[in-house]
N, C-alpha and C. Protein backbone atom coordinates (compact mmCIF):
# COMPACT_ATOMS: atom_id res chain seq x y z
N UNK A 1 161.91 -20.30 16.45
CA UNK A 1 163.02 -19.60 16.35
C UNK A 1 163.14 -18.59 15.47
N UNK A 2 162.08 -19.17 14.37
CA UNK A 2 162.22 -18.14 12.52
C UNK A 2 160.93 -16.99 13.32
N UNK A 3 159.65 -17.74 13.50
CA UNK A 3 158.79 -16.71 14.32
C UNK A 3 159.32 -15.85 14.83
N UNK A 4 159.83 -16.43 16.41
CA UNK A 4 160.27 -15.19 17.06
C UNK A 4 161.52 -14.20 16.50
N UNK A 5 162.12 -14.73 15.55
CA UNK A 5 162.87 -12.99 15.17
C UNK A 5 161.95 -12.62 13.71
N UNK A 6 161.34 -13.26 13.38
CA UNK A 6 160.34 -12.08 12.31
C UNK A 6 159.02 -11.55 13.37
N UNK A 7 158.97 -11.90 14.26
CA UNK A 7 158.60 -10.82 15.73
C UNK A 7 159.08 -9.61 15.44
N UNK A 8 160.31 -9.90 16.42
CA UNK A 8 161.40 -9.22 16.41
C UNK A 8 161.42 -7.77 15.00
N UNK A 9 161.69 -8.49 14.24
CA UNK A 9 162.13 -7.67 13.31
C UNK A 9 160.72 -7.28 13.06
N UNK A 10 159.13 -7.77 12.71
CA UNK A 10 158.70 -6.56 12.79
C UNK A 10 158.61 -5.51 13.44
N UNK A 11 158.82 -5.79 15.30
CA UNK A 11 158.65 -4.32 16.28
C UNK A 11 159.93 -3.53 16.03
N UNK A 12 160.62 -3.98 15.30
CA UNK A 12 162.02 -2.98 15.29
C UNK A 12 161.67 -1.89 14.15
N UNK A 13 161.19 -2.77 13.11
CA UNK A 13 161.10 -1.80 12.04
C UNK A 13 159.28 -0.89 12.46
N UNK A 14 158.64 -1.46 12.96
CA UNK A 14 157.54 -0.33 13.28
C UNK A 14 158.27 0.03 14.39
N UNK A 15 159.03 0.24 15.08
CA UNK A 15 159.78 0.93 16.02
C UNK A 15 160.71 2.02 14.98
N UNK A 16 161.39 2.21 14.15
CA UNK A 16 161.72 2.50 13.19
C UNK A 16 160.99 4.17 12.68
N UNK A 17 159.83 3.39 11.87
CA UNK A 17 159.04 3.70 11.38
C UNK A 17 158.12 4.88 11.96
N UNK A 18 158.27 4.32 13.32
CA UNK A 18 157.62 5.85 14.31
C UNK A 18 158.51 6.94 14.73
N UNK A 19 159.52 6.26 15.06
CA UNK A 19 160.42 7.85 15.05
C UNK A 19 160.88 8.39 14.30
N UNK A 20 160.94 7.63 12.67
CA UNK A 20 161.69 8.35 11.63
C UNK A 20 160.05 9.46 11.23
N UNK A 21 158.72 9.23 11.52
CA UNK A 21 157.60 9.58 11.23
C UNK A 21 157.60 11.02 12.19
N UNK A 22 158.08 10.46 13.51
CA UNK A 22 157.90 11.60 14.76
C UNK A 22 158.98 12.38 13.95
N UNK A 23 159.94 12.14 14.04
CA UNK A 23 161.15 13.72 13.80
C UNK A 23 160.89 13.92 12.94
N UNK A 24 159.85 14.00 11.76
CA UNK A 24 159.77 14.94 11.31
C UNK A 24 158.03 14.90 10.81
N UNK A 25 157.36 14.81 11.75
CA UNK A 25 155.70 15.20 12.35
C UNK A 25 155.67 16.46 11.93
N UNK A 26 156.36 17.28 12.14
CA UNK A 26 155.51 19.02 12.26
C UNK A 26 156.38 19.20 10.88
N UNK A 27 157.27 18.57 9.63
CA UNK A 27 157.13 19.00 8.36
C UNK A 27 155.49 18.58 7.68
N UNK A 28 155.31 19.38 6.69
CA UNK A 28 154.14 19.52 5.61
C UNK A 28 154.65 19.23 4.60
N UNK A 29 153.53 19.01 3.85
CA UNK A 29 154.23 19.24 2.36
C UNK A 29 154.07 20.45 1.78
N UNK A 30 154.59 21.00 1.01
CA UNK A 30 155.02 22.48 0.01
C UNK A 30 152.47 22.59 -0.22
N UNK A 31 152.83 23.95 0.52
CA UNK A 31 151.43 24.55 0.25
C UNK A 31 151.13 24.67 -0.62
N UNK A 32 149.88 24.23 -0.81
CA UNK A 32 149.22 24.73 -2.41
C UNK A 32 149.09 25.85 -3.05
N UNK A 33 148.76 25.59 -4.15
CA UNK A 33 148.47 26.91 -4.66
C UNK A 33 147.26 27.92 -4.16
N UNK A 34 146.80 28.95 -4.01
CA UNK A 34 146.23 29.89 -3.57
C UNK A 34 146.35 29.96 -2.40
N UNK A 35 147.57 29.04 -1.11
CA UNK A 35 147.30 29.53 0.12
C UNK A 35 147.76 30.46 0.47
N UNK A 36 147.14 30.81 1.62
CA UNK A 36 147.50 32.37 2.60
C UNK A 36 149.08 32.32 2.93
N UNK A 37 149.38 33.36 3.30
CA UNK A 37 150.73 33.15 3.72
C UNK A 37 150.64 32.19 5.00
N UNK A 38 151.73 31.43 5.17
CA UNK A 38 151.77 31.10 6.79
C UNK A 38 152.47 31.61 7.29
N UNK A 39 152.23 31.85 9.07
CA UNK A 39 152.62 32.50 9.72
C UNK A 39 152.87 33.95 9.78
N UNK A 40 151.67 34.42 9.32
CA UNK A 40 152.40 35.72 8.46
C UNK A 40 152.78 36.88 9.22
N UNK A 41 152.58 36.60 10.92
CA UNK A 41 152.45 37.30 11.74
C UNK A 41 153.62 37.52 12.72
N UNK A 42 154.31 35.84 12.64
CA UNK A 42 155.29 35.62 13.15
C UNK A 42 156.38 36.46 12.98
N UNK A 43 157.34 37.00 13.74
CA UNK A 43 158.39 37.72 13.98
C UNK A 43 159.65 36.91 14.16
N UNK A 44 160.26 37.14 13.20
CA UNK A 44 161.48 37.02 13.46
C UNK A 44 163.28 37.47 13.47
N UNK A 45 164.05 37.19 14.07
CA UNK A 45 165.23 38.02 14.05
C UNK A 45 166.14 38.17 12.80
N UNK A 46 166.75 39.35 12.03
CA UNK A 46 167.26 39.52 11.17
C UNK A 46 168.53 39.97 10.98
N UNK A 47 169.24 40.41 10.05
CA UNK A 47 170.62 40.81 9.74
C UNK A 47 170.46 42.26 9.50
N UNK A 48 169.21 42.33 9.88
CA UNK A 48 169.17 43.97 9.74
C UNK A 48 169.01 44.76 11.26
N UNK A 49 168.97 43.70 11.81
CA UNK A 49 169.05 44.06 13.18
C UNK A 49 167.39 44.60 14.18
N UNK A 50 166.44 44.42 13.26
CA UNK A 50 165.69 43.88 14.04
C UNK A 50 164.16 43.23 13.25
N UNK A 51 163.57 43.34 14.34
CA UNK A 51 162.83 41.72 13.99
C UNK A 51 161.55 42.19 13.42
N UNK A 52 161.23 41.06 12.26
CA UNK A 52 160.33 41.38 11.59
C UNK A 52 158.77 40.14 11.31
N UNK A 53 157.46 40.53 10.50
CA UNK A 53 156.85 39.38 10.38
C UNK A 53 156.74 39.06 8.78
N UNK A 54 156.25 38.71 8.01
CA UNK A 54 155.77 38.50 6.39
C UNK A 54 154.90 39.67 6.49
N UNK A 55 153.82 39.53 7.43
CA UNK A 55 152.32 40.84 7.58
C UNK A 55 153.28 42.55 7.14
N UNK A 56 154.59 42.52 7.49
CA UNK A 56 154.96 43.53 7.76
C UNK A 56 156.19 44.12 6.44
N UNK A 57 156.54 43.01 5.40
CA UNK A 57 156.93 43.29 4.80
C UNK A 57 156.30 42.50 3.03
N UNK A 58 155.66 42.63 3.78
CA UNK A 58 154.69 42.38 2.14
C UNK A 58 154.66 43.77 1.78
N UNK A 59 154.04 43.90 0.15
CA UNK A 59 154.27 44.94 -0.30
C UNK A 59 152.71 45.03 -1.38
N UNK A 60 152.63 46.60 -1.66
CA UNK A 60 151.63 46.32 -2.57
C UNK A 60 151.00 44.92 -3.41
N UNK A 61 151.62 44.88 -3.94
CA UNK A 61 151.69 43.65 -5.31
C UNK A 61 151.41 42.60 -4.61
N UNK A 62 152.43 42.02 -3.23
CA UNK A 62 152.60 40.80 -3.28
C UNK A 62 154.16 40.27 -2.14
N UNK A 63 154.24 38.96 -2.17
CA UNK A 63 155.90 38.72 -1.20
C UNK A 63 156.09 38.18 -1.61
N UNK A 64 157.30 37.70 -1.96
CA UNK A 64 158.59 36.84 -2.40
C UNK A 64 158.88 36.16 -0.66
N UNK A 65 158.96 34.88 -0.75
CA UNK A 65 159.82 33.92 0.34
C UNK A 65 161.02 33.55 -0.04
N UNK A 66 162.02 33.42 0.28
CA UNK A 66 162.86 32.05 -0.47
C UNK A 66 163.90 31.86 0.78
N UNK A 67 163.11 30.62 0.61
CA UNK A 67 164.13 29.76 1.37
C UNK A 67 165.95 29.67 1.36
N UNK A 68 166.52 29.91 2.56
CA UNK A 68 168.07 30.13 1.89
C UNK A 68 169.41 29.52 2.87
N UNK A 69 170.36 29.70 2.95
CA UNK A 69 171.22 29.71 3.83
C UNK A 69 172.70 30.54 3.42
N UNK A 70 174.18 30.23 4.06
CA UNK A 70 175.04 30.72 3.70
C UNK A 70 176.02 29.97 2.77
N UNK A 71 175.86 28.88 2.64
CA UNK A 71 177.11 27.29 2.53
C UNK A 71 176.52 26.62 0.84
N UNK A 72 174.82 26.78 1.18
CA UNK A 72 174.86 25.99 -0.16
C UNK A 72 175.36 25.65 -1.76
N UNK A 73 176.00 25.17 -1.93
CA UNK A 73 176.25 25.13 -3.33
C UNK A 73 175.22 26.00 -4.72
N UNK A 74 174.11 25.48 -4.09
CA UNK A 74 173.69 25.79 -5.21
C UNK A 74 172.85 27.44 -4.53
N UNK A 75 172.63 27.82 -3.72
CA UNK A 75 172.32 29.27 -2.77
C UNK A 75 173.78 30.32 -4.35
N UNK A 76 174.87 29.75 -3.66
CA UNK A 76 176.10 30.67 -4.37
C UNK A 76 175.68 30.76 -5.53
N UNK A 77 175.29 29.72 -6.34
CA UNK A 77 175.45 29.37 -7.77
C UNK A 77 174.12 29.95 -8.09
N UNK A 78 173.56 30.74 -7.38
CA UNK A 78 172.30 31.59 -7.48
C UNK A 78 172.31 33.26 -7.49
N UNK A 79 173.44 33.20 -6.31
CA UNK A 79 173.34 34.76 -5.90
C UNK A 79 173.34 35.96 -6.48
N UNK A 80 174.15 35.86 -7.83
CA UNK A 80 173.09 37.32 -9.11
C UNK A 80 172.06 36.83 -8.97
N UNK A 81 171.46 36.23 -9.31
CA UNK A 81 169.55 35.71 -9.72
C UNK A 81 169.42 36.42 -8.52
N UNK A 82 169.79 36.48 -7.34
CA UNK A 82 169.22 37.13 -5.99
C UNK A 82 168.74 38.76 -6.35
N UNK A 83 170.18 38.86 -6.62
CA UNK A 83 170.15 40.67 -6.80
C UNK A 83 169.41 40.89 -7.76
N UNK A 84 168.88 40.36 -9.06
CA UNK A 84 168.37 40.81 -10.04
C UNK A 84 166.48 40.44 -9.53
N UNK A 85 166.59 39.15 -8.87
CA UNK A 85 165.06 39.08 -8.32
C UNK A 85 164.73 40.11 -6.95
N UNK A 86 165.61 40.97 -6.14
CA UNK A 86 165.04 41.68 -5.81
C UNK A 86 164.86 43.11 -6.15
N UNK A 87 165.78 43.56 -7.75
CA UNK A 87 165.58 44.62 -8.52
C UNK A 87 164.27 45.18 -8.98
N UNK A 88 163.91 43.22 -9.65
CA UNK A 88 162.22 43.30 -10.08
C UNK A 88 161.66 43.16 -9.18
N UNK A 89 161.64 43.31 -7.98
CA UNK A 89 160.88 43.14 -7.25
C UNK A 89 160.50 44.25 -6.25
N UNK A 90 161.13 45.00 -6.42
CA UNK A 90 161.35 46.66 -5.84
C UNK A 90 160.87 47.14 -6.58
N UNK A 91 161.22 47.52 -8.20
CA UNK A 91 160.56 47.97 -8.87
C UNK A 91 158.53 47.63 -9.50
N UNK A 92 158.33 46.36 -9.06
CA UNK A 92 157.01 46.02 -9.52
C UNK A 92 156.35 45.79 -7.78
N UNK A 93 156.79 46.54 -7.00
CA UNK A 93 156.09 46.96 -5.49
C UNK A 93 155.96 44.90 -5.08
N UNK A 94 156.60 44.61 -5.27
CA UNK A 94 156.52 43.18 -4.24
C UNK A 94 157.34 42.69 -3.08
N UNK A 95 157.16 42.56 -2.12
CA UNK A 95 158.18 42.37 -0.99
C UNK A 95 158.60 41.24 -1.00
N UNK A 96 159.86 41.29 -0.80
CA UNK A 96 160.99 40.25 -0.96
C UNK A 96 161.49 39.82 0.85
N UNK A 97 161.80 39.02 1.40
CA UNK A 97 162.25 38.17 2.24
C UNK A 97 162.98 37.07 1.96
N UNK A 98 164.33 36.34 3.00
CA UNK A 98 165.36 35.15 2.30
C UNK A 98 165.20 34.82 4.21
N UNK A 99 164.92 33.75 4.14
CA UNK A 99 165.06 32.45 6.13
C UNK A 99 165.45 31.52 5.09
N UNK A 100 166.76 31.81 6.89
CA UNK A 100 167.49 30.49 6.78
C UNK A 100 167.26 29.80 8.02
N UNK A 101 166.95 28.27 7.85
CA UNK A 101 166.08 27.54 8.13
C UNK A 101 167.28 26.28 8.70
N UNK A 102 167.91 26.71 8.57
CA UNK A 102 169.35 25.51 9.23
C UNK A 102 169.61 25.92 10.65
N UNK A 103 167.98 25.23 11.38
CA UNK A 103 168.33 24.80 12.39
C UNK A 103 169.46 24.26 13.23
N UNK A 104 169.77 23.29 12.60
CA UNK A 104 170.57 22.49 13.32
C UNK A 104 172.02 22.98 12.88
N UNK A 105 172.53 23.98 12.09
CA UNK A 105 174.36 24.30 11.97
C UNK A 105 174.10 26.00 12.95
N UNK A 106 173.17 26.27 13.51
CA UNK A 106 172.92 27.69 14.30
C UNK A 106 174.22 27.79 14.90
N UNK A 107 174.53 26.86 15.84
CA UNK A 107 176.18 27.38 16.09
C UNK A 107 177.38 27.56 15.13
N UNK A 108 177.52 27.05 13.87
CA UNK A 108 178.21 27.55 12.93
C UNK A 108 177.79 28.28 11.67
N UNK A 109 177.74 27.70 10.45
CA UNK A 109 177.93 28.32 9.37
C UNK A 109 176.33 29.04 9.03
N UNK A 110 175.44 28.69 9.51
CA UNK A 110 174.11 29.41 10.08
C UNK A 110 173.86 29.72 11.18
N UNK A 111 175.25 30.71 11.74
CA UNK A 111 174.63 31.71 12.79
C UNK A 111 174.04 32.38 12.39
N UNK A 112 173.57 33.62 13.03
CA UNK A 112 173.10 35.13 13.60
C UNK A 112 174.58 35.44 12.92
N UNK A 113 175.73 35.43 13.34
CA UNK A 113 176.66 36.51 13.29
C UNK A 113 177.65 35.72 11.74
N UNK A 114 177.53 34.75 10.73
CA UNK A 114 177.48 34.38 10.05
C UNK A 114 176.74 34.84 8.44
N UNK A 115 175.43 34.75 8.77
CA UNK A 115 174.36 35.67 8.43
C UNK A 115 174.44 37.37 7.97
N UNK A 116 175.58 37.80 8.69
CA UNK A 116 174.99 39.14 8.85
C UNK A 116 176.56 39.31 8.22
N UNK A 117 177.60 38.55 8.05
CA UNK A 117 178.84 38.29 7.33
C UNK A 117 178.39 38.11 5.72
N UNK A 118 177.27 37.48 5.78
CA UNK A 118 177.49 36.54 4.53
C UNK A 118 176.46 37.85 3.76
N UNK A 119 175.39 38.11 4.45
CA UNK A 119 174.55 39.03 3.79
C UNK A 119 175.27 40.08 3.73
N UNK A 120 176.02 40.55 4.12
CA UNK A 120 177.14 41.94 3.78
C UNK A 120 177.63 41.69 2.94
N UNK A 121 178.69 40.51 2.64
CA UNK A 121 179.58 40.84 1.55
C UNK A 121 178.68 39.91 0.07
N UNK A 122 177.18 39.73 0.00
CA UNK A 122 176.61 39.68 -0.97
C UNK A 122 175.61 41.13 -1.35
N UNK A 123 175.80 42.31 0.19
CA UNK A 123 174.99 43.04 -0.32
C UNK A 123 173.50 43.42 -0.21
N UNK A 124 173.10 42.03 0.81
CA UNK A 124 171.42 42.41 0.59
C UNK A 124 170.82 43.47 1.26
N UNK A 125 170.06 44.21 0.81
CA UNK A 125 169.13 44.84 1.59
C UNK A 125 167.56 44.48 2.12
N UNK A 126 168.07 43.60 1.75
CA UNK A 126 166.16 43.23 1.80
C UNK A 126 166.57 42.20 3.38
N UNK A 127 165.42 41.92 4.06
CA UNK A 127 165.29 41.21 5.50
C UNK A 127 166.23 39.59 5.22
N UNK A 128 167.28 39.26 5.78
CA UNK A 128 167.47 37.60 5.93
C UNK A 128 167.17 37.32 7.54
N UNK A 129 165.95 36.82 7.88
CA UNK A 129 165.70 36.27 9.37
C UNK A 129 165.98 35.13 9.66
N UNK A 130 165.87 34.69 10.47
CA UNK A 130 166.53 33.57 11.16
C UNK A 130 165.17 32.56 11.58
N UNK A 131 165.16 31.21 11.06
CA UNK A 131 163.89 30.80 11.26
C UNK A 131 164.65 29.80 11.97
N UNK A 132 164.24 30.39 13.84
CA UNK A 132 164.56 29.35 14.34
C UNK A 132 163.91 27.73 14.80
N UNK A 133 164.48 26.98 15.02
CA UNK A 133 163.79 25.34 15.03
C UNK A 133 162.78 25.07 13.48
N UNK A 134 162.94 26.27 12.58
CA UNK A 134 162.71 25.80 11.34
C UNK A 134 161.47 25.49 10.67
N UNK A 135 160.75 26.06 12.08
CA UNK A 135 158.86 26.52 12.40
C UNK A 135 158.64 27.11 10.93
N UNK A 136 159.13 27.96 10.14
CA UNK A 136 158.34 28.65 8.71
C UNK A 136 158.79 27.60 7.58
N UNK A 137 160.30 27.00 8.05
CA UNK A 137 160.34 25.68 6.94
C UNK A 137 159.29 24.85 6.56
N UNK A 138 159.02 24.27 7.92
CA UNK A 138 157.76 23.60 8.10
C UNK A 138 156.14 23.87 7.69
N UNK A 139 155.84 25.06 8.29
CA UNK A 139 154.91 25.63 7.69
C UNK A 139 154.40 25.82 6.35
N UNK A 140 156.05 25.96 5.69
CA UNK A 140 156.17 26.43 3.86
C UNK A 140 155.68 24.63 3.79
N UNK A 141 156.44 23.72 4.51
CA UNK A 141 156.48 22.46 3.28
C UNK A 141 158.07 22.13 2.83
N UNK A 142 158.45 23.90 2.59
CA UNK A 142 160.06 23.89 2.00
C UNK A 142 161.32 22.74 2.56
N UNK A 143 161.12 22.41 1.93
CA UNK A 143 162.69 21.28 1.84
C UNK A 143 164.33 21.49 0.94
N UNK A 144 164.47 23.02 0.78
CA UNK A 144 165.52 22.43 -0.24
C UNK A 144 166.13 24.09 -0.35
N UNK A 145 166.96 24.56 -0.45
CA UNK A 145 167.91 26.00 -0.52
C UNK A 145 168.73 25.65 -1.86
N UNK A 146 168.03 26.80 -3.31
CA UNK A 146 167.35 27.59 -2.46
C UNK A 146 165.66 27.05 -3.05
N UNK A 147 164.80 27.81 -2.54
CA UNK A 147 163.41 27.29 -2.81
C UNK A 147 162.22 28.28 -2.77
N UNK A 148 161.90 29.15 -2.76
CA UNK A 148 160.93 30.11 -3.63
C UNK A 148 159.36 29.67 -3.33
N UNK A 149 158.77 31.10 -2.56
CA UNK A 149 157.16 30.61 -2.86
C UNK A 149 157.12 32.68 -3.04
N UNK A 150 156.21 32.68 -4.07
CA UNK A 150 155.63 33.93 -4.87
C UNK A 150 154.07 33.92 -4.09
N UNK A 151 153.63 35.31 -3.39
CA UNK A 151 152.32 35.30 -2.91
C UNK A 151 152.14 36.52 -3.69
N UNK A 152 150.49 36.68 -3.72
CA UNK A 152 150.51 37.93 -4.95
C UNK A 152 149.72 38.82 -3.92
N UNK A 153 149.04 40.43 -4.48
CA UNK A 153 148.08 40.94 -3.68
C UNK A 153 147.46 40.73 -2.48
N UNK A 154 146.89 39.35 -2.65
CA UNK A 154 145.82 39.33 -1.77
C UNK A 154 146.48 38.24 -0.99
N UNK A 155 148.22 37.95 -0.67
CA UNK A 155 148.35 37.03 -0.16
C UNK A 155 148.80 35.91 0.05
N UNK A 156 148.21 35.09 -2.00
CA UNK A 156 147.76 34.54 -1.61
C UNK A 156 148.84 33.13 -2.90
N UNK A 157 149.74 32.66 -2.70
CA UNK A 157 150.20 31.59 -3.70
C UNK A 157 149.42 31.32 -4.83
N UNK A 158 150.67 32.13 -5.72
CA UNK A 158 150.74 31.62 -6.87
C UNK A 158 151.56 31.02 -7.82
N UNK A 159 152.73 30.88 -7.44
CA UNK A 159 154.04 30.51 -7.99
C UNK A 159 155.05 29.27 -6.41
N UNK A 160 155.32 28.55 -6.83
CA UNK A 160 156.08 28.07 -5.88
C UNK A 160 157.39 27.14 -6.72
N UNK A 161 158.74 26.79 -6.23
CA UNK A 161 159.59 25.70 -6.52
C UNK A 161 160.85 26.75 -6.69
N UNK A 162 161.56 26.53 -8.29
CA UNK A 162 163.14 27.07 -8.62
C UNK A 162 162.62 28.33 -8.90
N UNK A 163 164.02 28.80 -9.20
CA UNK A 163 163.82 30.35 -9.41
C UNK A 163 163.33 30.07 -10.87
N UNK A 164 164.78 29.66 -11.32
CA UNK A 164 164.50 29.81 -12.77
C UNK A 164 165.09 27.69 -13.25
N UNK A 165 165.21 27.12 -14.47
CA UNK A 165 166.23 25.95 -15.03
C UNK A 165 167.16 25.60 -14.81
N UNK A 166 168.04 25.95 -14.11
CA UNK A 166 169.65 26.29 -14.13
C UNK A 166 169.97 26.36 -12.96
N UNK A 167 170.70 24.92 -12.32
CA UNK A 167 171.27 24.79 -10.54
C UNK A 167 173.19 25.61 -10.90
N UNK A 168 173.46 26.17 -11.88
CA UNK A 168 174.56 26.58 -12.42
C UNK A 168 174.46 28.15 -12.70
N UNK A 169 175.13 28.69 -13.10
CA UNK A 169 175.64 30.36 -13.29
C UNK A 169 174.38 30.60 -14.41
N UNK A 170 174.13 31.62 -14.27
CA UNK A 170 172.93 32.27 -14.64
C UNK A 170 172.91 32.35 -16.47
N UNK A 171 174.00 32.05 -16.88
CA UNK A 171 174.22 32.23 -18.63
C UNK A 171 174.04 30.86 -19.06
N UNK A 172 173.07 29.71 -18.29
CA UNK A 172 172.69 28.14 -18.83
C UNK A 172 171.72 28.92 -18.40
N UNK A 173 170.57 29.40 -18.02
CA UNK A 173 169.32 29.88 -17.98
C UNK A 173 168.56 29.37 -19.30
N UNK A 174 167.83 29.20 -19.35
CA UNK A 174 166.88 29.23 -20.11
C UNK A 174 165.12 29.37 -20.66
N UNK A 175 164.99 29.08 -18.74
CA UNK A 175 163.91 29.30 -18.21
C UNK A 175 163.52 30.23 -17.10
N UNK A 176 162.72 31.07 -17.02
CA UNK A 176 163.07 32.38 -15.97
C UNK A 176 161.50 32.16 -15.34
N UNK A 177 161.15 30.75 -14.88
CA UNK A 177 159.86 30.62 -14.12
C UNK A 177 159.99 31.87 -13.08
N UNK A 178 160.75 31.99 -11.96
CA UNK A 178 160.15 33.20 -11.21
C UNK A 178 159.75 34.60 -11.81
N UNK A 179 160.82 34.97 -12.87
CA UNK A 179 160.36 36.04 -13.94
C UNK A 179 158.88 36.08 -14.42
N UNK A 180 158.58 34.93 -15.12
CA UNK A 180 157.25 35.03 -16.03
C UNK A 180 156.32 35.15 -14.65
N UNK A 181 156.17 34.15 -13.74
CA UNK A 181 154.82 33.84 -13.02
C UNK A 181 155.28 35.69 -12.26
N UNK A 182 155.89 36.49 -12.20
CA UNK A 182 155.72 37.85 -11.97
C UNK A 182 154.86 38.36 -12.86
N UNK A 183 155.80 38.41 -13.90
CA UNK A 183 155.07 39.47 -14.89
C UNK A 183 153.71 38.83 -15.07
N UNK A 184 153.12 37.71 -15.46
CA UNK A 184 151.97 36.37 -15.59
C UNK A 184 151.08 37.60 -14.49
N UNK A 185 151.75 37.09 -13.31
CA UNK A 185 150.42 37.69 -12.08
C UNK A 185 150.27 39.28 -11.89
N UNK A 186 151.28 40.32 -12.91
CA UNK A 186 150.85 41.66 -12.00
C UNK A 186 150.25 41.35 -13.83
N UNK A 187 149.76 40.86 -14.57
CA UNK A 187 148.91 41.16 -16.25
C UNK A 187 147.56 40.50 -15.45
N UNK A 188 147.33 39.56 -14.74
CA UNK A 188 145.75 38.78 -14.19
C UNK A 188 146.06 37.49 -14.73
N UNK A 189 147.45 37.71 -15.24
CA UNK A 189 147.10 36.42 -17.19
C UNK A 189 147.52 34.88 -16.19
N UNK A 190 146.88 34.04 -16.32
CA UNK A 190 147.38 32.59 -15.32
C UNK A 190 149.12 31.93 -15.73
N UNK A 191 148.86 31.80 -14.79
CA UNK A 191 150.77 31.64 -14.59
C UNK A 191 151.01 29.86 -15.17
N UNK A 192 152.00 29.93 -15.77
CA UNK A 192 152.72 28.77 -16.17
C UNK A 192 153.97 28.50 -16.55
N UNK A 193 154.22 27.42 -15.81
CA UNK A 193 153.62 26.71 -14.80
C UNK A 193 153.95 27.51 -13.50
N UNK A 194 153.01 26.68 -12.76
CA UNK A 194 152.29 27.71 -10.70
C UNK A 194 153.03 26.75 -10.26
N UNK A 195 154.14 26.18 -10.49
CA UNK A 195 154.91 25.29 -9.69
C UNK A 195 155.91 24.15 -10.19
N UNK A 196 156.95 24.42 -9.69
CA UNK A 196 158.62 23.41 -10.04
C UNK A 196 158.77 22.71 -8.90
N UNK A 197 159.67 21.95 -9.37
CA UNK A 197 160.55 21.64 -8.42
C UNK A 197 161.60 22.31 -7.84
N UNK A 198 162.38 22.36 -6.56
CA UNK A 198 163.32 22.73 -6.20
C UNK A 198 164.39 22.33 -6.11
N UNK A 199 165.40 22.47 -7.08
CA UNK A 199 167.09 21.56 -6.51
C UNK A 199 167.73 22.60 -5.84
N UNK A 200 168.22 21.72 -5.07
CA UNK A 200 169.15 22.34 -3.77
C UNK A 200 169.78 21.35 -3.13
N UNK A 201 170.04 21.91 -1.57
CA UNK A 201 170.49 21.82 -0.37
C UNK A 201 169.10 21.50 0.59
N UNK A 202 169.22 20.26 1.08
CA UNK A 202 168.59 20.24 1.80
C UNK A 202 168.59 20.83 3.04
N UNK A 203 167.38 21.31 3.89
CA UNK A 203 167.39 22.32 5.08
C UNK A 203 167.75 21.18 5.80
N UNK A 204 168.73 21.97 6.96
CA UNK A 204 169.72 21.09 7.97
C UNK A 204 168.05 21.32 9.46
N UNK A 205 166.90 20.39 9.78
CA UNK A 205 166.33 20.88 11.03
C UNK A 205 167.55 20.05 11.87
N UNK A 206 166.49 20.08 12.95
CA UNK A 206 167.36 19.60 14.44
C UNK A 206 167.53 18.46 14.24
N UNK A 207 166.89 17.54 13.66
CA UNK A 207 166.81 15.77 13.04
C UNK A 207 167.08 15.30 12.47
N UNK A 208 168.04 16.72 11.58
CA UNK A 208 168.55 15.98 10.20
C UNK A 208 170.42 15.41 10.28
């Protein structure tokens, strides 16, 4: 009886593990420093009323990709910094794009209509795109909002992770990871650190 029970439990556990893996089999770990922009030619629909690809948004000095959404408190606490980042990118010839990968909330808080309203309320002038089925997030290995990926003029990843070291308001920031990475990248200097931990809400994939 005990042996039968153990066999049953082993089979059940194996089945659970298989299903858990299967549900996230398309999610890779974060892309490595030096990687090319994933799926750069894939066109995505955005709040500016057009479909664009990463290849069309990248500028002469690179591209900044921001995984974000409408409701995450970590994103909301960072909104003013988004504006500062956009200003830096515009001045320094770096394209910027925001991706909403919350596929599990596409009929609710992260629908296109809600994205348009949110982008308008925040004064976004950069592309805020719908990542259907979290395909881009899966390709990048993105798991959080906000989570960023900075690519240089050769479309190579040079920094990934957090914008800075504060998950609260900007007055508590003491380390500006992204701004420092941009400066070092443009000067041709080594970026330190080139990877930090993104802290925020989990991306709501269809299997979440």
